[in-house]
N, C-alpha and C. Protein backbone atom coordinates (compact mmCIF):
# COMPACT_ATOMS: atom_id res chain seq x y z
N UNK A 1 -45.37 6.45 -48.13
CA UNK A 1 -45.42 5.63 -46.52
C UNK A 1 -43.54 5.05 -46.75
N UNK A 2 -43.26 4.80 -45.59
CA UNK A 2 -42.34 4.13 -44.58
C UNK A 2 -42.65 2.97 -42.88
N UNK A 3 -41.49 1.70 -43.73
CA UNK A 3 -42.19 0.72 -42.52
C UNK A 3 -40.81 1.24 -42.12
N UNK A 4 -40.91 0.86 -40.36
CA UNK A 4 -39.83 0.12 -39.97
C UNK A 4 -40.06 -0.89 -39.88
N UNK A 5 -39.14 -2.07 -40.21
CA UNK A 5 -39.37 -3.55 -39.99
C UNK A 5 -38.23 -4.25 -38.82
N UNK A 6 -39.23 -4.78 -37.59
CA UNK A 6 -38.22 -5.72 -36.99
C UNK A 6 -38.30 -7.08 -37.25
N UNK A 7 -36.86 -7.71 -37.45
CA UNK A 7 -37.30 -9.45 -37.12
C UNK A 7 -36.87 -9.37 -36.26
N UNK A 8 -37.33 -10.59 -35.08
CA UNK A 8 -36.40 -11.25 -34.51
C UNK A 8 -36.43 -12.86 -34.68
N UNK A 9 -35.24 -13.39 -34.75
CA UNK A 9 -34.60 -15.03 -34.19
C UNK A 9 -35.44 -15.34 -33.31
N UNK A 10 -35.56 -16.70 -33.41
CA UNK A 10 -36.21 -17.74 -32.13
C UNK A 10 -34.88 -17.44 -30.51
N UNK A 11 -36.12 -16.86 -29.66
CA UNK A 11 -35.47 -16.54 -29.16
C UNK A 11 -35.05 -18.36 -28.40
N UNK A 12 -34.05 -17.46 -27.01
CA UNK A 12 -33.93 -18.38 -26.49
C UNK A 12 -34.83 -18.51 -25.38
N UNK A 13 -35.15 -18.30 -24.80
CA UNK A 13 -36.38 -18.14 -23.90
C UNK A 13 -37.72 -17.52 -24.24
N UNK A 14 -38.93 -18.75 -24.68
CA UNK A 14 -39.40 -18.18 -25.76
C UNK A 14 -40.81 -17.66 -24.83
N UNK A 15 -41.15 -18.77 -23.54
CA UNK A 15 -41.66 -18.05 -22.61
C UNK A 15 -41.70 -16.92 -22.33
N UNK A 16 -40.03 -16.61 -21.77
CA UNK A 16 -39.58 -14.93 -21.18
C UNK A 16 -40.20 -14.02 -22.01
N UNK A 17 -39.60 -14.34 -23.25
CA UNK A 17 -40.23 -13.37 -24.49
C UNK A 17 -41.70 -12.98 -24.68
N UNK A 18 -41.89 -13.72 -24.67
CA UNK A 18 -43.07 -13.70 -24.97
C UNK A 18 -44.13 -12.42 -24.26
N UNK A 19 -43.55 -13.53 -23.25
CA UNK A 19 -44.05 -11.79 -22.11
C UNK A 19 -43.58 -10.54 -22.11
N UNK A 20 -42.48 -10.12 -21.70
CA UNK A 20 -41.93 -9.03 -21.93
C UNK A 20 -41.94 -8.67 -22.87
N UNK A 21 -41.71 -9.19 -24.75
CA UNK A 21 -42.15 -8.84 -25.57
C UNK A 21 -43.80 -7.77 -25.07
N UNK A 22 -44.36 -8.37 -25.39
CA UNK A 22 -46.09 -8.25 -25.73
C UNK A 22 -46.60 -7.55 -24.42
N UNK A 23 -45.61 -7.23 -22.96
CA UNK A 23 -46.28 -6.81 -22.07
C UNK A 23 -45.82 -5.36 -21.25
N UNK A 24 -44.65 -5.06 -21.96
CA UNK A 24 -43.80 -4.33 -22.07
C UNK A 24 -43.15 -3.88 -22.52
N UNK A 25 -41.99 -4.39 -23.40
CA UNK A 25 -41.76 -4.08 -25.11
C UNK A 25 -42.56 -3.23 -26.34
N UNK A 26 -43.62 -3.92 -26.41
CA UNK A 26 -44.65 -3.64 -27.43
C UNK A 26 -45.34 -2.20 -27.37
N UNK A 27 -46.23 -2.36 -25.61
CA UNK A 27 -46.49 -1.07 -25.68
C UNK A 27 -45.44 -0.13 -25.34
N UNK A 28 -44.38 -0.10 -25.01
CA UNK A 28 -43.05 0.56 -25.38
C UNK A 28 -43.67 1.38 -26.61
N UNK A 29 -43.13 0.39 -27.40
CA UNK A 29 -43.11 0.42 -29.04
C UNK A 29 -44.42 1.50 -29.92
N UNK A 30 -45.38 1.23 -28.68
CA UNK A 30 -46.80 1.90 -29.59
C UNK A 30 -46.64 3.40 -28.79
N UNK A 31 -46.01 3.72 -28.54
CA UNK A 31 -45.93 5.22 -27.65
C UNK A 31 -44.96 5.97 -29.20
N UNK A 32 -44.17 5.23 -29.69
CA UNK A 32 -44.01 6.50 -30.20
C UNK A 32 -44.81 7.04 -31.01
N UNK A 33 -45.00 8.30 -31.71
CA UNK A 33 -45.33 9.50 -32.19
C UNK A 33 -45.31 8.51 -33.60
N UNK A 34 -46.33 9.16 -34.12
CA UNK A 34 -47.25 9.28 -35.60
C UNK A 34 -47.30 7.90 -36.26
N UNK A 35 -47.41 6.82 -35.41
CA UNK A 35 -47.52 5.58 -36.21
C UNK A 35 -49.56 5.00 -36.42
N UNK A 36 -48.64 4.78 -37.79
CA UNK A 36 -50.60 4.87 -38.65
C UNK A 36 -50.75 3.85 -38.37
N UNK A 37 -49.26 2.26 -38.75
CA UNK A 37 -50.07 1.23 -38.77
C UNK A 37 -49.52 0.38 -37.47
N UNK A 38 -49.50 -1.00 -37.53
CA UNK A 38 -48.52 -1.75 -35.59
C UNK A 38 -48.59 -3.06 -36.48
N UNK A 39 -47.85 -3.70 -37.00
CA UNK A 39 -48.36 -5.52 -37.36
C UNK A 39 -47.00 -6.29 -37.06
N UNK A 40 -48.02 -7.43 -36.07
CA UNK A 40 -46.74 -8.25 -35.27
C UNK A 40 -47.23 -9.65 -36.24
N UNK A 41 -46.43 -10.42 -36.39
CA UNK A 41 -46.94 -11.66 -37.65
C UNK A 41 -45.41 -12.51 -36.99
N UNK A 42 -46.29 -13.85 -36.47
CA UNK A 42 -45.32 -14.76 -36.21
C UNK A 42 -45.08 -15.59 -37.81
N UNK A 43 -43.42 -16.05 -37.40
CA UNK A 43 -42.94 -16.92 -38.73
C UNK A 43 -43.47 -18.03 -38.46
N UNK A 44 -43.94 -18.69 -39.72
CA UNK A 44 -44.31 -19.72 -39.64
C UNK A 44 -43.05 -20.81 -40.82
N UNK A 45 -42.75 -20.33 -41.29
CA UNK A 45 -41.83 -20.72 -41.82
C UNK A 45 -40.75 -20.08 -43.43
N UNK A 46 -39.25 -20.50 -42.59
CA UNK A 46 -38.43 -19.78 -44.02
C UNK A 46 -37.95 -20.04 -44.58
N UNK A 47 -37.36 -20.04 -46.19
CA UNK A 47 -36.65 -20.83 -46.93
C UNK A 47 -35.71 -19.83 -47.28
N UNK A 48 -34.19 -20.30 -48.51
CA UNK A 48 -33.35 -19.72 -48.74
C UNK A 48 -32.39 -18.59 -47.77
N UNK A 49 -32.68 -18.74 -46.26
CA UNK A 49 -31.83 -17.96 -45.44
C UNK A 49 -31.40 -18.52 -44.00
N UNK A 50 -30.70 -19.15 -43.47
CA UNK A 50 -29.69 -19.74 -42.08
C UNK A 50 -30.92 -18.68 -41.08
N UNK A 51 -31.12 -18.20 -41.14
CA UNK A 51 -31.81 -17.17 -40.24
C UNK A 51 -33.10 -18.33 -39.39
N UNK A 52 -33.12 -18.19 -38.62
CA UNK A 52 -34.10 -18.87 -37.59
C UNK A 52 -35.48 -17.82 -37.06
N UNK A 53 -36.21 -17.26 -38.29
CA UNK A 53 -36.76 -16.18 -37.96
C UNK A 53 -37.83 -16.42 -36.84
N UNK A 54 -38.53 -15.87 -36.39
CA UNK A 54 -39.96 -16.01 -34.82
C UNK A 54 -40.55 -14.88 -35.46
N UNK A 55 -40.53 -13.55 -35.49
CA UNK A 55 -41.22 -12.65 -34.98
C UNK A 55 -40.95 -11.65 -36.49
N UNK A 56 -41.98 -10.69 -37.06
CA UNK A 56 -41.78 -9.57 -37.66
C UNK A 56 -42.77 -8.75 -37.11
N UNK A 57 -42.25 -7.68 -36.97
CA UNK A 57 -42.66 -6.31 -36.56
C UNK A 57 -43.02 -5.44 -37.43
N UNK A 58 -44.11 -4.62 -38.29
CA UNK A 58 -43.75 -3.47 -38.83
C UNK A 58 -43.88 -2.71 -38.16
N UNK A 59 -43.79 -1.23 -37.83
CA UNK A 59 -44.00 0.08 -38.20
C UNK A 59 -44.55 0.99 -39.17
N UNK A 60 -45.92 1.21 -39.59
CA UNK A 60 -45.86 1.63 -40.36
C UNK A 60 -46.08 3.49 -40.28
N UNK A 61 -45.54 3.98 -41.29
CA UNK A 61 -45.58 5.70 -41.11
C UNK A 61 -46.06 6.14 -42.28
N UNK A 62 -46.30 7.69 -42.42
CA UNK A 62 -47.28 8.05 -43.54
C UNK A 62 -46.05 9.04 -44.68
N UNK A 63 -44.89 9.17 -44.25
CA UNK A 63 -43.86 9.19 -44.71
C UNK A 63 -42.34 9.11 -43.95
N UNK A 64 -40.88 8.79 -45.15
CA UNK A 64 -39.85 8.40 -44.23
C UNK A 64 -39.32 9.47 -43.37
N UNK A 65 -40.25 10.58 -44.20
CA UNK A 65 -39.50 12.22 -42.88
C UNK A 65 -40.11 11.84 -41.15
N UNK A 66 -41.72 11.26 -41.46
CA UNK A 66 -42.57 11.49 -39.95
C UNK A 66 -41.86 10.38 -39.07
N UNK A 67 -40.76 9.32 -40.13
CA UNK A 67 -40.38 7.92 -39.45
C UNK A 67 -39.34 8.66 -38.67
N UNK A 68 -38.57 9.74 -39.55
CA UNK A 68 -37.05 9.91 -39.23
C UNK A 68 -36.98 10.23 -38.00
N UNK A 69 -38.47 11.44 -37.83
CA UNK A 69 -38.93 12.65 -36.46
C UNK A 69 -39.05 11.48 -36.15
N UNK A 70 -39.76 10.59 -35.67
CA UNK A 70 -40.18 10.05 -34.44
C UNK A 70 -39.36 8.81 -34.15
N UNK A 71 -38.31 8.90 -34.84
CA UNK A 71 -37.19 7.62 -34.55
C UNK A 71 -36.18 9.03 -33.58
N UNK A 72 -36.28 9.80 -32.70
CA UNK A 72 -35.81 10.91 -33.18
C UNK A 72 -36.27 11.58 -30.85
N UNK A 73 -37.48 11.34 -30.94
CA UNK A 73 -38.29 11.12 -29.93
C UNK A 73 -38.13 10.42 -28.73
N UNK A 74 -38.44 11.00 -27.70
CA UNK A 74 -38.15 10.12 -26.25
C UNK A 74 -38.78 8.84 -26.46
N UNK A 75 -39.54 8.41 -26.86
CA UNK A 75 -40.71 7.22 -26.96
C UNK A 75 -39.79 6.53 -27.67
N UNK A 76 -39.63 7.07 -28.62
CA UNK A 76 -38.15 5.93 -29.60
C UNK A 76 -37.25 5.82 -28.99
N UNK A 77 -36.59 6.00 -28.42
CA UNK A 77 -35.50 6.06 -27.66
C UNK A 77 -35.66 5.68 -26.67
N UNK A 78 -36.84 5.41 -26.03
CA UNK A 78 -36.45 4.98 -24.92
C UNK A 78 -37.01 2.90 -24.99
N UNK A 79 -37.95 2.93 -25.68
CA UNK A 79 -37.88 1.44 -26.77
C UNK A 79 -36.64 0.94 -27.40
N UNK A 80 -35.79 1.62 -27.75
CA UNK A 80 -34.38 1.43 -28.09
C UNK A 80 -33.56 0.82 -27.01
N UNK A 81 -33.63 1.70 -25.97
CA UNK A 81 -33.19 1.46 -24.52
C UNK A 81 -33.70 0.48 -24.47
N UNK A 82 -35.24 0.16 -24.17
CA UNK A 82 -35.10 -1.49 -23.96
C UNK A 82 -34.75 -2.75 -24.27
N UNK A 83 -34.66 -2.68 -25.71
CA UNK A 83 -33.25 -3.66 -25.86
C UNK A 83 -32.21 -4.33 -25.17
N UNK A 84 -32.18 -4.01 -24.72
CA UNK A 84 -31.25 -4.29 -23.33
C UNK A 84 -31.81 -5.83 -22.85
N UNK A 85 -32.94 -5.09 -22.17
CA UNK A 85 -33.85 -5.41 -21.04
C UNK A 85 -34.25 -7.05 -22.42
N UNK A 86 -34.58 -6.74 -23.57
CA UNK A 86 -34.77 -8.01 -24.24
C UNK A 86 -34.72 -8.79 -24.31
N UNK A 87 -32.73 -8.50 -24.28
CA UNK A 87 -32.17 -9.49 -25.02
C UNK A 87 -31.25 -10.54 -23.54
N UNK A 88 -31.80 -10.16 -22.29
CA UNK A 88 -31.76 -11.61 -21.40
C UNK A 88 -32.64 -12.18 -22.51
N UNK A 89 -33.21 -12.24 -23.29
CA UNK A 89 -34.29 -13.58 -23.79
C UNK A 89 -33.79 -13.83 -25.39
N UNK A 90 -32.81 -13.24 -26.04
CA UNK A 90 -32.28 -13.92 -27.05
C UNK A 90 -30.89 -14.24 -27.66
N UNK A 91 -31.00 -14.59 -28.54
CA UNK A 91 -29.72 -15.15 -29.32
C UNK A 91 -28.90 -13.67 -29.36
N UNK A 92 -29.67 -13.23 -30.44
CA UNK A 92 -29.04 -12.37 -31.63
C UNK A 92 -29.96 -10.68 -31.17
N UNK A 93 -29.23 -9.84 -30.56
CA UNK A 93 -30.38 -8.47 -31.38
C UNK A 93 -31.42 -8.56 -32.64
N UNK A 94 -32.15 -7.71 -32.66
CA UNK A 94 -32.86 -7.85 -33.99
C UNK A 94 -32.12 -7.12 -34.87
N UNK A 95 -32.73 -7.67 -36.20
CA UNK A 95 -32.48 -6.88 -37.54
C UNK A 95 -33.84 -5.75 -37.57
N UNK A 96 -33.30 -5.03 -37.75
CA UNK A 96 -33.92 -3.65 -37.99
C UNK A 96 -33.93 -2.85 -39.80
N UNK A 97 -35.10 -3.27 -40.26
CA UNK A 97 -34.86 -2.54 -41.52
C UNK A 97 -35.88 -1.85 -41.91
N UNK A 98 -35.46 -0.10 -42.63
CA UNK A 98 -36.70 1.15 -43.26
C UNK A 98 -37.28 1.05 -44.01
N UNK A 99 -37.93 1.02 -44.90
CA UNK A 99 -38.14 0.85 -46.29
C UNK A 99 -39.40 1.68 -46.74
N UNK A 100 -39.13 1.78 -47.96
CA UNK A 100 -40.02 3.00 -48.44
C UNK A 100 -41.07 1.71 -49.57
C-alpha cells in the first residue's frame, strides 16, 4: 500500500478555500486513476510544530508503482496544474508526501 498525503496550512481565505477545494479541486483529484480510498480530515490541534495545519488529505493506492503511474496521467497533471488556482486562497503551497 502507498499513500499520497497532502497537508494544507490554514488558508488566507477560509470560505474561498472551502468552496474551491471541495467543489473544484477535490473532484479533479478524485478522477486520478487507481485511487483505492480518499480521506479528508480537518486538523483540530497540532503539537511540536510551528505550522498552522488545517486539512490533511490521503489518497491511497494499492502499490507504490500504481501511485507513481497514476501521477503521470493527464488527470493527475490537471490536478497539479489546478494548484495554481487554489493558491489565491492559501499562504503556502501544500506539503505533499508519498509514504508506504
